Protein backbone atom coordinates (compact mmCIF):
# COMPACT_ATOMS: atom_id res chain seq x y z
CA MET A 1 -27.06 -13.41 21.99
CA SER A 2 -23.44 -14.69 22.29
CA SER A 3 -20.53 -12.30 22.17
CA THR A 4 -18.65 -14.63 20.43
CA ARG A 5 -21.40 -14.98 17.76
CA VAL A 6 -21.52 -11.25 17.43
CA ALA A 7 -17.83 -11.00 17.23
CA THR A 8 -17.52 -13.79 14.58
CA LEU A 9 -20.32 -12.07 12.49
CA TYR A 10 -18.22 -8.60 12.57
CA ARG A 11 -15.29 -10.22 11.37
CA GLN A 12 -16.79 -12.26 8.70
CA LEU A 13 -18.53 -9.23 7.43
CA LEU A 14 -15.41 -7.00 7.29
CA SER A 15 -13.77 -10.16 5.65
CA GLU A 16 -15.93 -10.00 2.94
CA ALA A 17 -16.17 -6.33 2.84
CA LYS A 18 -12.41 -6.19 2.36
CA ARG A 19 -12.64 -8.99 -0.51
CA ILE A 20 -14.01 -6.10 -2.81
CA ASN A 21 -11.60 -4.96 -5.70
CA HIS A 22 -13.53 -1.35 -6.20
CA TYR A 23 -11.47 0.86 -3.90
CA ASN A 24 -14.73 3.09 -3.36
CA VAL A 25 -17.27 -0.11 -2.86
CA ARG A 26 -14.88 -1.58 -0.16
CA GLU A 27 -14.25 1.46 1.79
CA TYR A 28 -18.07 2.37 2.12
CA ALA A 29 -18.69 -1.55 2.89
CA CYS A 30 -15.83 -1.48 5.60
CA ARG A 31 -17.34 1.91 7.24
CA ARG A 32 -21.25 0.87 7.14
CA VAL A 33 -20.01 -2.47 9.12
CA LYS A 34 -18.17 -0.52 11.44
CA ALA A 35 -21.24 2.19 11.74
CA GLY A 36 -23.85 -0.59 11.80
CA PHE A 37 -22.21 -2.25 14.89
CA ALA A 38 -21.26 1.14 16.63
CA GLU A 39 -25.05 1.41 16.47
CA ASN A 40 -26.20 -1.31 18.02
CA ARG A 41 -23.84 -1.42 20.45
CA GLY A 42 -25.97 -1.28 23.23
CA ALA A 43 -28.62 -3.05 21.80
CA SER A 44 -30.31 -6.16 24.02
CA GLY A 45 -33.10 -8.70 23.94
CA GLU A 46 -35.18 -8.34 20.78
CA ALA A 47 -33.32 -5.37 19.35
CA ALA A 48 -30.30 -7.42 19.41
CA GLU A 49 -31.86 -10.48 17.77
CA ALA A 50 -33.36 -8.13 14.87
CA ALA A 51 -29.76 -6.65 14.31
CA TYR A 52 -27.80 -9.56 14.16
CA GLN A 53 -30.52 -11.04 11.60
CA ARG A 54 -29.94 -7.86 9.75
CA GLY A 55 -26.24 -8.85 9.34
CA LEU A 56 -26.84 -12.00 8.81
CA GLU A 57 -28.91 -10.56 5.47
CA ASP A 58 -25.83 -8.19 5.24
CA LEU A 59 -23.59 -10.77 5.14
CA ALA A 60 -25.16 -12.65 2.60
CA MET A 61 -25.68 -9.16 0.04
CA LEU A 62 -21.99 -8.62 0.78
CA ARG A 63 -20.82 -12.25 -0.33
CA ARG A 64 -22.64 -11.22 -3.79
CA GLN A 65 -21.70 -8.32 -4.48
CA ALA A 66 -18.03 -9.30 -3.91
CA THR A 67 -18.62 -11.94 -6.65
CA ILE A 68 -20.20 -9.79 -8.92
CA TYR A 69 -17.68 -6.61 -8.45
CA ASN A 70 -14.68 -9.06 -8.75
CA MET A 71 -15.89 -10.52 -11.70
CA TYR A 72 -15.12 -7.16 -13.71
CA PRO A 73 -11.96 -5.97 -12.71
CA VAL A 74 -10.75 -2.46 -12.65
CA GLU A 75 -7.42 -0.51 -12.33
CA SER A 76 -6.08 0.64 -9.09
CA SER A 77 -7.24 3.60 -7.97
CA VAL A 78 -5.22 6.41 -7.05
CA MET A 79 -6.07 6.28 -3.17
CA GLU A 80 -4.32 2.65 -3.67
CA THR A 81 -1.09 3.24 -4.85
CA ALA A 82 1.74 3.80 -2.65
CA ARG A 83 3.74 6.66 -2.83
CA PRO A 84 7.16 6.39 -3.17
CA THR A 85 8.91 7.63 -0.31
CA LEU A 86 11.53 10.71 -0.61
CA PRO A 87 14.75 10.34 0.56
CA GLN A 88 15.65 12.06 3.58
CA THR A 89 18.38 14.55 3.39
C-alpha cells in the first residue's frame, strides 16, 4: 500500500466532503473522514487494503451525496455567516 495512494484518497475524500452545501452534513463528513483515517493509521497488510477499499467506496458515496445535496440549495447556516468585527476602543 503506497502512502501516496492513501494521501490522494484522503485529499479526495475531504474535497468531496467540502463540496456539500449543507453545513451539518459537510462538517459531519469531514469529521468522519478524519476519524476514519485516524482509526486506520497503524493498519498494515490486508487490514490496510480493506480500509483503502472502504475509503474508495466512501468516496463514491460522497460524490453521489454531494451531487444530491447540491441539487437542493439551502440558505446559509448561522454557523457559516461571518460575524462583523467590533471596532477596537
